Amino acid sequence: QGQLVESGGGLVQPGGSLRLSCQASGFTFSHYVMSWYRQAPGKERELVARVTSISGSTSYADSVKGRFSISRDNAKDTVYLQMNNLKPEDTALYYCNADSVYSRMIYWGQGTQVTVSS
């Protein structure tokens, strides 16, 4: 079965940076659109960034445009989220998501906590 394991979360001051990683296993990574979602306490889960399977085209939530960058390495079965100029409102549990291009298979990671606070 497929698995996603996130890492890289932590506590950072406003204006700081973090790089999240998501290691995939058990499925053909290049056949999946990869996304990062986040969920803050008391709020719904929201899409943060997405990268397509082959072309690597990216899209972002308006709230993170210009500050976050998603990328993928199909040779390493890994997707990254570079987060710069972090704000307190970026505090959330960040989840990695894999959505198959060829089927209805979807995988979720367990999440990694990002806390932005002084």
PDB file of N, CA and C in Angstrom:
ATOM      1  N   GLN A   1       0.823  -1.195   0.000  1.00  0.00           N
ATOM      2  CA  GLN A   1       0.000   0.000   0.000  1.00  0.00           C
ATOM      3  C   GLN A   1       0.857   1.246   0.000  1.00  0.00           C
ATOM      4  N   GLY A   2       0.317   2.302  -0.582  1.00  0.00           N
ATOM      5  CA  GLY A   2       1.055   3.552  -0.640  1.00  0.00           C
ATOM      6  C   GLY A   2       1.144   4.235   0.703  1.00  0.00           C
ATOM      7  N   GLN A   3       2.216   5.000   0.846  1.00  0.00           N
ATOM      8  CA  GLN A   3       2.427   5.709   2.095  1.00  0.00           C
ATOM      9  C   GLN A   3       3.094   7.041   1.820  1.00  0.00           C
ATOM     10  N   LEU A   4       2.716   8.048   2.595  1.00  0.00           N
ATOM     11  CA  LEU A   4       3.335   9.364   2.533  1.00  0.00           C
ATOM     12  C   LEU A   4       3.820   9.729   3.930  1.00  0.00           C
ATOM     13  N   VAL A   5       5.067  10.182   4.032  1.00  0.00           N
ATOM     14  CA  VAL A   5       5.631  10.559   5.320  1.00  0.00           C
ATOM     15  C   VAL A   5       6.187  11.972   5.223  1.00  0.00           C
ATOM     16  N   GLU A   6       5.571  12.877   5.986  1.00  0.00           N
ATOM     17  CA  GLU A   6       6.020  14.273   5.980  1.00  0.00           C
ATOM     18  C   GLU A   6       7.093  14.489   7.047  1.00  0.00           C
ATOM     19  N   SER A   7       7.926  15.487   6.799  1.00  0.00           N
ATOM     20  CA  SER A   7       8.935  15.910   7.770  1.00  0.00           C
ATOM     21  C   SER A   7       9.274  17.370   7.530  1.00  0.00           C
ATOM     22  N   GLY A   8       9.969  17.964   8.508  1.00  0.00           N
ATOM     23  CA  GLY A   8      10.448  19.327   8.330  1.00  0.00           C
ATOM     24  C   GLY A   8       9.677  20.390   9.082  1.00  0.00           C
ATOM     25  N   GLY A   9       8.588  20.016   9.720  1.00  0.00           N
ATOM     26  CA  GLY A   9       7.830  20.997  10.484  1.00  0.00           C
ATOM     27  C   GLY A   9       8.571  21.423  11.740  1.00  0.00           C
ATOM     28  N   GLY A  10       8.029  22.437  12.414  1.00  0.00           N
ATOM     29  CA  GLY A  10       8.654  22.899  13.645  1.00  0.00           C
ATOM     30  C   GLY A  10       8.155  24.265  14.043  1.00  0.00           C
ATOM     31  N   LEU A  11       8.865  24.851  15.003  1.00  0.00           N
ATOM     32  CA  LEU A  11       8.557  26.184  15.507  1.00  0.00           C
ATOM     33  C   LEU A  11       9.509  27.184  14.872  1.00  0.00           C
ATOM     34  N   VAL A  12       8.956  28.248  14.317  1.00  0.00           N
ATOM     35  CA  VAL A  12       9.772  29.266  13.664  1.00  0.00           C
ATOM     36  C   VAL A  12       9.199  30.643  13.974  1.00  0.00           C
ATOM     37  N   GLN A  13      10.068  31.635  14.018  1.00  0.00           N
ATOM     38  CA  GLN A  13       9.625  33.001  14.267  1.00  0.00           C
ATOM     39  C   GLN A  13       9.017  33.604  13.014  1.00  0.00           C
ATOM     40  N   PRO A  14       8.139  34.582  13.172  1.00  0.00           N
ATOM     41  CA  PRO A  14       7.600  35.278  11.998  1.00  0.00           C
ATOM     42  C   PRO A  14       8.727  35.808  11.119  1.00  0.00           C
ATOM     43  N   GLY A  15       8.548  35.641   9.802  1.00  0.00           N
ATOM     44  CA  GLY A  15       9.584  36.027   8.868  1.00  0.00           C
ATOM     45  C   GLY A  15      10.578  34.936   8.557  1.00  0.00           C
ATOM     46  N   GLY A  16      10.516  33.852   9.292  1.00  0.00           N
ATOM     47  CA  GLY A  16      11.444  32.750   9.090  1.00  0.00           C
ATOM     48  C   GLY A  16      11.026  31.829   7.963  1.00  0.00           C
ATOM     49  N   SER A  17      11.809  30.768   7.782  1.00  0.00           N
ATOM     50  CA  SER A  17      11.581  29.821   6.698  1.00  0.00           C
ATOM     51  C   SER A  17      11.611  28.393   7.217  1.00  0.00           C
ATOM     52  N   LEU A  18      10.892  27.550   6.519  1.00  0.00           N
ATOM     53  CA  LEU A  18      10.930  26.107   6.746  1.00  0.00           C
ATOM     54  C   LEU A  18      10.806  25.418   5.402  1.00  0.00           C
ATOM     55  N   ARG A  19      11.349  24.201   5.330  1.00  0.00           N
ATOM     56  CA  ARG A  19      11.192  23.372   4.142  1.00  0.00           C
ATOM     57  C   ARG A  19      10.579  22.043   4.568  1.00  0.00           C
ATOM     58  N   LEU A  20       9.388  21.780   4.082  1.00  0.00           N
ATOM     59  CA  LEU A  20       8.720  20.507   4.344  1.00  0.00           C
ATOM     60  C   LEU A  20       9.070  19.514   3.246  1.00  0.00           C
ATOM     61  N   SER A  21       9.184  18.260   3.644  1.00  0.00           N
ATOM     62  CA  SER A  21       9.412  17.179   2.693  1.00  0.00           C
ATOM     63  C   SER A  21       8.342  16.119   2.871  1.00  0.00           C
ATOM     64  N   CYS A  22       8.027  15.440   1.791  1.00  0.00           N
ATOM     65  CA  CYS A  22       7.064  14.344   1.839  1.00  0.00           C
ATOM     66  C   CYS A  22       7.635  13.199   1.004  1.00  0.00           C
ATOM     67  N   GLN A  23       7.969  12.120   1.695  1.00  0.00           N
ATOM     68  CA  GLN A  23       8.533  10.945   1.032  1.00  0.00           C
ATOM     69  C   GLN A  23       7.424   9.959   0.734  1.00  0.00           C
ATOM     70  N   ALA A  24       7.314   9.587  -0.536  1.00  0.00           N
ATOM     71  CA  ALA A  24       6.292   8.630  -0.963  1.00  0.00           C
ATOM     72  C   ALA A  24       6.893   7.247  -1.135  1.00  0.00           C
ATOM     73  N   SER A  25       6.053   6.245  -0.936  1.00  0.00           N
ATOM     74  CA  SER A  25       6.471   4.875  -1.176  1.00  0.00           C
ATOM     75  C   SER A  25       5.254   4.022  -1.479  1.00  0.00           C
ATOM     76  N   GLY A  26       5.492   2.930  -2.189  1.00  0.00           N
ATOM     77  CA  GLY A  26       4.423   1.967  -2.434  1.00  0.00           C
ATOM     78  C   GLY A  26       3.524   2.260  -3.616  1.00  0.00           C
ATOM     79  N   PHE A  27       3.826   3.299  -4.387  1.00  0.00           N
ATOM     80  CA  PHE A  27       3.047   3.592  -5.591  1.00  0.00           C
ATOM     81  C   PHE A  27       3.932   4.324  -6.584  1.00  0.00           C
ATOM     82  N   THR A  28       3.457   4.439  -7.821  1.00  0.00           N
ATOM     83  CA  THR A  28       4.235   5.084  -8.883  1.00  0.00           C
ATOM     84  C   THR A  28       4.095   6.590  -8.756  1.00  0.00           C
ATOM     85  N   PHE A  29       5.065   7.183  -8.100  1.00  0.00           N
ATOM     86  CA  PHE A  29       5.010   8.600  -7.728  1.00  0.00           C
ATOM     87  C   PHE A  29       4.732   9.512  -8.913  1.00  0.00           C
ATOM     88  N   SER A  30       5.342   9.229 -10.045  1.00  0.00           N
ATOM     89  CA  SER A  30       5.214  10.116 -11.207  1.00  0.00           C
ATOM     90  C   SER A  30       3.816  10.105 -11.794  1.00  0.00           C
ATOM     91  N   HIS A  31       2.960   9.175 -11.372  1.00  0.00           N
ATOM     92  CA  HIS A  31       1.588   9.092 -11.864  1.00  0.00           C
ATOM     93  C   HIS A  31       0.616   9.878 -10.991  1.00  0.00           C
ATOM     94  N   TYR A  32       1.145  10.611 -10.034  1.00  0.00           N
ATOM     95  CA  TYR A  32       0.283  11.285  -9.072  1.00  0.00           C
ATOM     96  C   TYR A  32       0.531  12.789  -9.059  1.00  0.00           C
ATOM     97  N   VAL A  33      -0.568  13.546  -9.010  1.00  0.00           N
ATOM     98  CA  VAL A  33      -0.497  14.964  -8.692  1.00  0.00           C
ATOM     99  C   VAL A  33      -0.234  15.066  -7.190  1.00  0.00           C
ATOM    100  N   MET A  34       0.725  15.885  -6.813  1.00  0.00           N
ATOM    101  CA  MET A  34       1.093  16.019  -5.405  1.00  0.00           C
ATOM    102  C   MET A  34       0.697  17.387  -4.883  1.00  0.00           C
ATOM    103  N   SER A  35       0.155  17.393  -3.686  1.00  0.00           N
ATOM    104  CA  SER A  35      -0.327  18.640  -3.093  1.00  0.00           C
ATOM    105  C   SER A  35       0.044  18.717  -1.619  1.00  0.00           C
ATOM    106  N   TRP A  36       0.085  19.946  -1.127  1.00  0.00           N
ATOM    107  CA  TRP A  36       0.176  20.214   0.302  1.00  0.00           C
ATOM    108  C   TRP A  36      -1.120  20.902   0.730  1.00  0.00           C
ATOM    109  N   TYR A  37      -1.692  20.389   1.801  1.00  0.00           N
ATOM    110  CA  TYR A  37      -2.849  20.994   2.434  1.00  0.00           C
ATOM    111  C   TYR A  37      -2.450  21.394   3.856  1.00  0.00           C
ATOM    112  N   ARG A  38      -3.268  22.233   4.457  1.00  0.00           N
ATOM    113  CA  ARG A  38      -3.047  22.552   5.865  1.00  0.00           C
ATOM    114  C   ARG A  38      -4.380  22.713   6.581  1.00  0.00           C
ATOM    115  N   GLN A  39      -4.336  22.478   7.878  1.00  0.00           N
ATOM    116  CA  GLN A  39      -5.530  22.641   8.698  1.00  0.00           C
ATOM    117  C   GLN A  39      -5.147  23.273  10.022  1.00  0.00           C
ATOM    118  N   ALA A  40      -5.687  24.448  10.256  1.00  0.00           N
ATOM    119  CA  ALA A  40      -5.476  25.145  11.518  1.00  0.00           C
ATOM    120  C   ALA A  40      -6.591  24.762  12.493  1.00  0.00           C
ATOM    121  N   PRO A  41      -6.349  24.897  13.785  1.00  0.00           N
ATOM    122  CA  PRO A  41      -7.372  24.547  14.776  1.00  0.00           C
ATOM    123  C   PRO A  41      -8.676  25.295  14.522  1.00  0.00           C
ATOM    124  N   GLY A  42      -9.771  24.556  14.479  1.00  0.00           N
ATOM    125  CA  GLY A  42     -11.076  25.162  14.294  1.00  0.00           C
ATOM    126  C   GLY A  42     -11.405  25.551  12.867  1.00  0.00           C
ATOM    127  N   LYS A  43     -10.519  25.227  11.938  1.00  0.00           N
ATOM    128  CA  LYS A  43     -10.737  25.585  10.537  1.00  0.00           C
ATOM    129  C   LYS A  43     -10.755  24.339   9.664  1.00  0.00           C
ATOM    130  N   GLU A  44     -11.295  24.491   8.460  1.00  0.00           N
ATOM    131  CA  GLU A  44     -11.319  23.386   7.512  1.00  0.00           C
ATOM    132  C   GLU A  44      -9.944  23.228   6.851  1.00  0.00           C
ATOM    133  N   ARG A  45      -9.708  22.016   6.391  1.00  0.00           N
ATOM    134  CA  ARG A  45      -8.472  21.767   5.661  1.00  0.00           C
ATOM    135  C   ARG A  45      -8.511  22.541   4.344  1.00  0.00           C
ATOM    136  N   GLU A  46      -7.399  23.175   3.992  1.00  0.00           N
ATOM    137  CA  GLU A  46      -7.356  23.968   2.766  1.00  0.00           C
ATOM    138  C   GLU A  46      -6.157  23.582   1.921  1.00  0.00           C
ATOM    139  N   LEU A  47      -6.318  23.706   0.613  1.00  0.00           N
ATOM    140  CA  LEU A  47      -5.243  23.431  -0.331  1.00  0.00           C
ATOM    141  C   LEU A  47      -4.247  24.587  -0.305  1.00  0.00           C
ATOM    142  N   VAL A  48      -2.985  24.259  -0.149  1.00  0.00           N
ATOM    143  CA  VAL A  48      -1.930  25.272  -0.105  1.00  0.00           C
ATOM    144  C   VAL A  48      -1.211  25.374  -1.447  1.00  0.00           C
ATOM    145  N   ALA A  49      -0.806  24.229  -1.984  1.00  0.00           N
ATOM    146  CA  ALA A  49      -0.037  24.226  -3.227  1.00  0.00           C
ATOM    147  C   ALA A  49      -0.158  22.861  -3.895  1.00  0.00           C
ATOM    148  N   ARG A  50      -0.009  22.865  -5.210  1.00  0.00           N
ATOM    149  CA  ARG A  50      -0.155  21.641  -5.995  1.00  0.00           C
ATOM    150  C   ARG A  50       0.869  21.637  -7.117  1.00  0.00           C
ATOM    151  N   VAL A  51       1.380  20.452  -7.426  1.00  0.00           N
ATOM    152  CA  VAL A  51       2.297  20.303  -8.557  1.00  0.00           C
ATOM    153  C   VAL A  51       1.854  19.097  -9.373  1.00  0.00           C
ATOM    154  N   THR A  52       1.754  19.265 -10.678  1.00  0.00           N
ATOM    155  CA  THR A  52       1.271  18.189 -11.532  1.00  0.00           C
ATOM    156  C   THR A  52       2.314  17.089 -11.678  1.00  0.00           C
ATOM    157  N   SER A  53       1.862  15.984 -12.308  1.00  0.00           N
ATOM    158  CA  SER A  53       2.660  14.764 -12.254  1.00  0.00           C
ATOM    159  C   SER A  53       3.882  14.781 -13.154  1.00  0.00           C
ATOM    160  N   ILE A  54       3.750  15.209 -14.395  1.00  0.00           N
ATOM    161  CA  ILE A  54       4.864  15.127 -15.332  1.00  0.00           C
ATOM    162  C   ILE A  54       5.434  16.506 -15.654  1.00  0.00           C
ATOM    163  N   SER A  55       4.564  17.434 -16.032  1.00  0.00           N
ATOM    164  CA  SER A  55       5.047  18.759 -16.438  1.00  0.00           C
ATOM    165  C   SER A  55       5.565  19.563 -15.266  1.00  0.00           C
ATOM    166  N   GLY A  56       5.080  19.231 -14.062  1.00  0.00           N
ATOM    167  CA  GLY A  56       5.524  19.977 -12.896  1.00  0.00           C
ATOM    168  C   GLY A  56       4.908  21.357 -12.771  1.00  0.00           C
ATOM    169  N   SER A  57       3.795  21.578 -13.440  1.00  0.00           N
ATOM    170  CA  SER A  57       3.112  22.859 -13.301  1.00  0.00           C
ATOM    171  C   SER A  57       2.620  23.023 -11.870  1.00  0.00           C
ATOM    172  N   THR A  58       2.695  24.259 -11.368  1.00  0.00           N
ATOM    173  CA  THR A  58       2.348  24.512  -9.971  1.00  0.00           C
ATOM    174  C   THR A  58       1.196  25.503  -9.844  1.00  0.00           C
ATOM    175  N   SER A  59       0.505  25.416  -8.727  1.00  0.00           N
ATOM    176  CA  SER A  59      -0.536  26.379  -8.394  1.00  0.00           C
ATOM    177  C   SER A  59      -0.543  26.560  -6.883  1.00  0.00           C
ATOM    178  N   TYR A  60      -1.016  27.746  -6.443  1.00  0.00           N
ATOM    179  CA  TYR A  60      -0.935  28.110  -5.035  1.00  0.00           C
ATOM    180  C   TYR A  60      -2.207  28.797  -4.553  1.00  0.00           C
ATOM    181  N   ALA A  61      -2.468  28.653  -3.275  1.00  0.00           N
ATOM    182  CA  ALA A  61      -3.504  29.461  -2.651  1.00  0.00           C
ATOM    183  C   ALA A  61      -3.054  30.913  -2.655  1.00  0.00           C
ATOM    184  N   ASP A  62      -4.011  31.815  -2.774  1.00  0.00           N
ATOM    185  CA  ASP A  62      -3.663  33.244  -2.814  1.00  0.00           C
ATOM    186  C   ASP A  62      -2.890  33.664  -1.565  1.00  0.00           C
ATOM    187  N   SER A  63      -3.198  33.052  -0.451  1.00  0.00           N
ATOM    188  CA  SER A  63      -2.595  33.459   0.818  1.00  0.00           C
ATOM    189  C   SER A  63      -1.101  33.140   0.903  1.00  0.00           C
ATOM    190  N   VAL A  64      -0.603  32.268   0.036  1.00  0.00           N
ATOM    191  CA  VAL A  64       0.812  31.882   0.117  1.00  0.00           C
ATOM    192  C   VAL A  64       1.596  32.241  -1.143  1.00  0.00           C
ATOM    193  N   LYS A  65       0.923  32.771  -2.155  1.00  0.00           N
ATOM    194  CA  LYS A  65       1.620  33.127  -3.399  1.00  0.00           C
ATOM    195  C   LYS A  65       2.752  34.108  -3.124  1.00  0.00           C
ATOM    196  N   GLY A  66       3.900  33.819  -3.733  1.00  0.00           N
ATOM    197  CA  GLY A  66       5.061  34.675  -3.550  1.00  0.00           C
ATOM    198  C   GLY A  66       5.886  34.345  -2.323  1.00  0.00           C
ATOM    199  N   ARG A  67       5.353  33.485  -1.445  1.00  0.00           N
ATOM    200  CA  ARG A  67       6.090  33.113  -0.229  1.00  0.00           C
ATOM    201  C   ARG A  67       6.420  31.613  -0.195  1.00  0.00           C
ATOM    202  N   PHE A  68       5.544  30.798  -0.730  1.00  0.00           N
ATOM    203  CA  PHE A  68       5.739  29.340  -0.715  1.00  0.00           C
ATOM    204  C   PHE A  68       6.073  28.851  -2.122  1.00  0.00           C
ATOM    205  N   SER A  69       6.828  27.761  -2.179  1.00  0.00           N
ATOM    206  CA  SER A  69       7.182  27.153  -3.454  1.00  0.00           C
ATOM    207  C   SER A  69       7.127  25.634  -3.319  1.00  0.00           C
ATOM    208  N   ILE A  70       6.348  25.000  -4.206  1.00  0.00           N
ATOM    209  CA  ILE A  70       6.251  23.549  -4.205  1.00  0.00           C
ATOM    210  C   ILE A  70       7.110  22.997  -5.336  1.00  0.00           C
ATOM    211  N   SER A  71       7.757  21.876  -5.079  1.00  0.00           N
ATOM    212  CA  SER A  71       8.556  21.219  -6.110  1.00  0.00           C
ATOM    213  C   SER A  71       8.527  19.714  -5.859  1.00  0.00           C
ATOM    214  N   ARG A  72       8.904  18.960  -6.895  1.00  0.00           N
ATOM    215  CA  ARG A  72       8.923  17.522  -6.753  1.00  0.00           C
ATOM    216  C   ARG A  72      10.166  16.957  -7.414  1.00  0.00           C
ATOM    217  N   ASP A  73      10.633  15.838  -6.880  1.00  0.00           N
ATOM    218  CA  ASP A  73      11.758  15.115  -7.454  1.00  0.00           C
ATOM    219  C   ASP A  73      11.265  13.699  -7.720  1.00  0.00           C
ATOM    220  N   ASN A  74      10.907  13.420  -8.967  1.00  0.00           N
ATOM    221  CA  ASN A  74      10.345  12.107  -9.304  1.00  0.00           C
ATOM    222  C   ASN A  74      11.369  10.987  -9.154  1.00  0.00           C
ATOM    223  N   ALA A  75      12.646  11.318  -9.206  1.00  0.00           N
ATOM    224  CA  ALA A  75      13.682  10.303  -9.014  1.00  0.00           C
ATOM    225  C   ALA A  75      13.786   9.878  -7.550  1.00  0.00           C
ATOM    226  N   LYS A  76      13.387  10.785  -6.650  1.00  0.00           N
ATOM    227  CA  LYS A  76      13.469  10.495  -5.211  1.00  0.00           C
ATOM    228  C   LYS A  76      12.096  10.255  -4.589  1.00  0.00           C
ATOM    229  N   ASP A  77      11.040  10.301  -5.427  1.00  0.00           N
ATOM    230  CA  ASP A  77       9.670  10.100  -4.923  1.00  0.00           C
ATOM    231  C   ASP A  77       9.363  11.050  -3.769  1.00  0.00           C
ATOM    232  N   THR A  78       9.753  12.289  -3.940  1.00  0.00           N
ATOM    233  CA  THR A  78       9.622  13.268  -2.862  1.00  0.00           C
ATOM    234  C   THR A  78       9.052  14.578  -3.394  1.00  0.00           C
ATOM    235  N   VAL A  79       8.202  15.178  -2.599  1.00  0.00           N
ATOM    236  CA  VAL A  79       7.678  16.510  -2.888  1.00  0.00           C
ATOM    237  C   VAL A  79       8.066  17.428  -1.731  1.00  0.00           C
ATOM    238  N   TYR A  80       8.347  18.677  -2.075  1.00  0.00           N
ATOM    239  CA  TYR A  80       8.824  19.646  -1.095  1.00  0.00           C
ATOM    240  C   TYR A  80       7.898  20.864  -1.058  1.00  0.00           C
ATOM    241  N   LEU A  81       7.926  21.537   0.075  1.00  0.00           N
ATOM    242  CA  LEU A  81       7.247  22.825   0.193  1.00  0.00           C
ATOM    243  C   LEU A  81       8.198  23.777   0.904  1.00  0.00           C
ATOM    244  N   GLN A  82       8.750  24.704   0.140  1.00  0.00           N
ATOM    245  CA  GLN A  82       9.615  25.726   0.711  1.00  0.00           C
ATOM    246  C   GLN A  82       8.738  26.884   1.155  1.00  0.00           C
ATOM    247  N   MET A  83       8.816  27.215   2.425  1.00  0.00           N
ATOM    248  CA  MET A  83       7.971  28.267   2.994  1.00  0.00           C
ATOM    249  C   MET A  83       8.860  29.388   3.517  1.00  0.00           C
ATOM    250  N   ASN A  84       8.706  30.555   2.919  1.00  0.00           N
ATOM    251  CA  ASN A  84       9.486  31.729   3.315  1.00  0.00           C
ATOM    252  C   ASN A  84       8.571  32.802   3.873  1.00  0.00           C
ATOM    253  N   ASN A  85       9.174  33.740   4.590  1.00  0.00           N
ATOM    254  CA  ASN A  85       8.423  34.858   5.173  1.00  0.00           C
ATOM    255  C   ASN A  85       7.164  34.362   5.891  1.00  0.00           C
ATOM    256  N   LEU A  86       7.362  33.396   6.760  1.00  0.00           N
ATOM    257  CA  LEU A  86       6.227  32.783   7.447  1.00  0.00           C
ATOM    258  C   LEU A  86       5.536  33.762   8.374  1.00  0.00           C
ATOM    259  N   LYS A  87       4.223  33.594   8.464  1.00  0.00           N
ATOM    260  CA  LYS A  87       3.378  34.461   9.279  1.00  0.00           C
ATOM    261  C   LYS A  87       2.648  33.619  10.324  1.00  0.00           C
ATOM    262  N   PRO A  88       2.226  34.235  11.422  1.00  0.00           N
ATOM    263  CA  PRO A  88       1.492  33.466  12.444  1.00  0.00           C
ATOM    264  C   PRO A  88       0.280  32.738  11.869  1.00  0.00           C
ATOM    265  N   GLU A  89      -0.359  33.315  10.876  1.00  0.00           N
ATOM    266  CA  GLU A  89      -1.533  32.682  10.276  1.00  0.00           C
ATOM    267  C   GLU A  89      -1.185  31.458   9.429  1.00  0.00           C
ATOM    268  N   ASP A  90       0.090  31.195   9.228  1.00  0.00           N
ATOM    269  CA  ASP A  90       0.517  29.960   8.552  1.00  0.00           C
ATOM    270  C   ASP A  90       0.575  28.782   9.514  1.00  0.00           C
ATOM    271  N   THR A  91       0.384  29.041  10.783  1.00  0.00           N
ATOM    272  CA  THR A  91       0.404  27.972  11.792  1.00  0.00           C
ATOM    273  C   THR A  91      -0.707  26.970  11.512  1.00  0.00           C
ATOM    274  N   ALA A  92      -0.325  25.704  11.349  1.00  0.00           N
ATOM    275  CA  ALA A  92      -1.287  24.655  11.013  1.00  0.00           C
ATOM    276  C   ALA A  92      -0.576  23.309  10.976  1.00  0.00           C
ATOM    277  N   LEU A  93      -1.386  22.276  10.853  1.00  0.00           N
ATOM    278  CA  LEU A  93      -0.870  20.942  10.566  1.00  0.00           C
ATOM    279  C   LEU A  93      -0.862  20.803   9.041  1.00  0.00           C
ATOM    280  N   TYR A  94       0.301  20.522   8.497  1.00  0.00           N
ATOM    281  CA  TYR A  94       0.473  20.451   7.049  1.00  0.00           C
ATOM    282  C   TYR A  94       0.473  18.987   6.593  1.00  0.00           C
ATOM    283  N   TYR A  95      -0.364  18.707   5.605  1.00  0.00           N
ATOM    284  CA  TYR A  95      -0.530  17.354   5.093  1.00  0.00           C
ATOM    285  C   TYR A  95      -0.074  17.255   3.646  1.00  0.00           C
ATOM    286  N   CYS A  96       0.546  16.148   3.337  1.00  0.00           N
ATOM    287  CA  CYS A  96       0.902  15.810   1.971  1.00  0.00           C
ATOM    288  C   CYS A  96      -0.204  14.943   1.367  1.00  0.00           C
ATOM    289  N   ASN A  97      -0.501  15.175   0.096  1.00  0.00           N
ATOM    290  CA  ASN A  97      -1.579  14.451  -0.589  1.00  0.00           C
ATOM    291  C   ASN A  97      -1.096  13.998  -1.953  1.00  0.00           C
ATOM    292  N   ALA A  98      -1.461  12.764  -2.313  1.00  0.00           N
ATOM    293  CA  ALA A  98      -1.161  12.220  -3.637  1.00  0.00           C
ATOM    294  C   ALA A  98      -2.474  11.822  -4.299  1.00  0.00           C
ATOM    295  N   ASP A  99      -2.701  12.320  -5.497  1.00  0.00           N
ATOM    296  CA  ASP A  99      -3.959  12.078  -6.215  1.00  0.00           C
ATOM    297  C   ASP A  99      -3.609  11.485  -7.579  1.00  0.00           C
ATOM    298  N   SER A 100      -4.053  10.248  -7.819  1.00  0.00           N
ATOM    299  CA  SER A 100      -3.678   9.554  -9.048  1.00  0.00           C
ATOM    300  C   SER A 100      -4.264  10.215 -10.286  1.00  0.00           C
ATOM    301  N   VAL A 101      -3.457  10.286 -11.321  1.00  0.00           N
ATOM    302  CA  VAL A 101      -3.902  10.794 -12.621  1.00  0.00           C
ATOM    303  C   VAL A 101      -4.750   9.749 -13.337  1.00  0.00           C
ATOM    304  N   TYR A 102      -4.533   8.456 -13.044  1.00  0.00           N
ATOM    305  CA  TYR A 102      -5.141   7.376 -13.817  1.00  0.00           C
ATOM    306  C   TYR A 102      -6.229   6.598 -13.085  1.00  0.00           C
ATOM    307  N   SER A 103      -6.422   6.877 -11.815  1.00  0.00           N
ATOM    308  CA  SER A 103      -7.452   6.169 -11.053  1.00  0.00           C
ATOM    309  C   SER A 103      -7.993   7.092  -9.984  1.00  0.00           C
ATOM    310  N   ARG A 104      -8.793   6.547  -9.080  1.00  0.00           N
ATOM    311  CA  ARG A 104      -9.355   7.351  -7.988  1.00  0.00           C
ATOM    312  C   ARG A 104      -8.558   7.201  -6.707  1.00  0.00           C
ATOM    313  N   MET A 105      -7.365   6.631  -6.827  1.00  0.00           N
ATOM    314  CA  MET A 105      -6.558   6.408  -5.629  1.00  0.00           C
ATOM    315  C   MET A 105      -6.030   7.724  -5.078  1.00  0.00           C
ATOM    316  N   ILE A 106      -6.174   7.890  -3.802  1.00  0.00           N
ATOM    317  CA  ILE A 106      -5.680   9.071  -3.096  1.00  0.00           C
ATOM    318  C   ILE A 106      -4.980   8.616  -1.825  1.00  0.00           C
ATOM    319  N   TYR A 107      -3.858   9.246  -1.540  1.00  0.00           N
ATOM    320  CA  TYR A 107      -3.124   8.985  -0.304  1.00  0.00           C
ATOM    321  C   TYR A 107      -2.939  10.273   0.477  1.00  0.00           C
ATOM    322  N   TRP A 108      -2.946  10.115   1.797  1.00  0.00           N
ATOM    323  CA  TRP A 108      -2.687  11.242   2.700  1.00  0.00           C
ATOM    324  C   TRP A 108      -1.568  10.852   3.666  1.00  0.00           C
ATOM    325  N   GLY A 109      -0.754  11.845   4.002  1.00  0.00           N
ATOM    326  CA  GLY A 109       0.218  11.647   5.057  1.00  0.00           C
ATOM    327  C   GLY A 109      -0.406  11.932   6.409  1.00  0.00           C
ATOM    328  N   GLN A 110       0.402  11.739   7.465  1.00  0.00           N
ATOM    329  CA  GLN A 110      -0.084  11.938   8.829  1.00  0.00           C
ATOM    330  C   GLN A 110      -0.034  13.405   9.255  1.00  0.00           C
ATOM    331  N   GLY A 111       0.730  14.191   8.543  1.00  0.00           N
ATOM    332  CA  GLY A 111       0.820  15.612   8.853  1.00  0.00           C
ATOM    333  C   GLY A 111       2.065  15.974   9.640  1.00  0.00           C
ATOM    334  N   THR A 112       2.510  17.199   9.452  1.00  0.00           N
ATOM    335  CA  THR A 112       3.632  17.743  10.219  1.00  0.00           C
ATOM    336  C   THR A 112       3.238  19.142  10.698  1.00  0.00           C
ATOM    337  N   GLN A 113       3.504  19.422  11.967  1.00  0.00           N
ATOM    338  CA  GLN A 113       3.047  20.676  12.569  1.00  0.00           C
ATOM    339  C   GLN A 113       4.004  21.808  12.254  1.00  0.00           C
ATOM    340  N   VAL A 114       3.439  22.911  11.820  1.00  0.00           N
ATOM    341  CA  VAL A 114       4.185  24.154  11.623  1.00  0.00           C
ATOM    342  C   VAL A 114       3.599  25.206  12.544  1.00  0.00           C
ATOM    343  N   THR A 115       4.441  25.779  13.396  1.00  0.00           N
ATOM    344  CA  THR A 115       4.003  26.815  14.317  1.00  0.00           C
ATOM    345  C   THR A 115       4.866  28.043  14.119  1.00  0.00           C
ATOM    346  N   VAL A 116       4.205  29.158  13.828  1.00  0.00           N
ATOM    347  CA  VAL A 116       4.907  30.420  13.602  1.00  0.00           C
ATOM    348  C   VAL A 116       4.558  31.352  14.760  1.00  0.00           C
ATOM    349  N   SER A 117       5.549  31.624  15.583  1.00  0.00           N
ATOM    350  CA  SER A 117       5.299  32.411  16.784  1.00  0.00           C
ATOM    351  C   SER A 117       6.601  33.017  17.284  1.00  0.00           C
ATOM    352  N   SER A 118       6.484  34.201  17.872  1.00  0.00           N
ATOM    353  CA  SER A 118       7.646  34.837  18.475  1.00  0.00           C
ATOM    354  C   SER A 118       7.739  34.486  19.956  1.00  0.00           C
TER     355      SER A 118
END
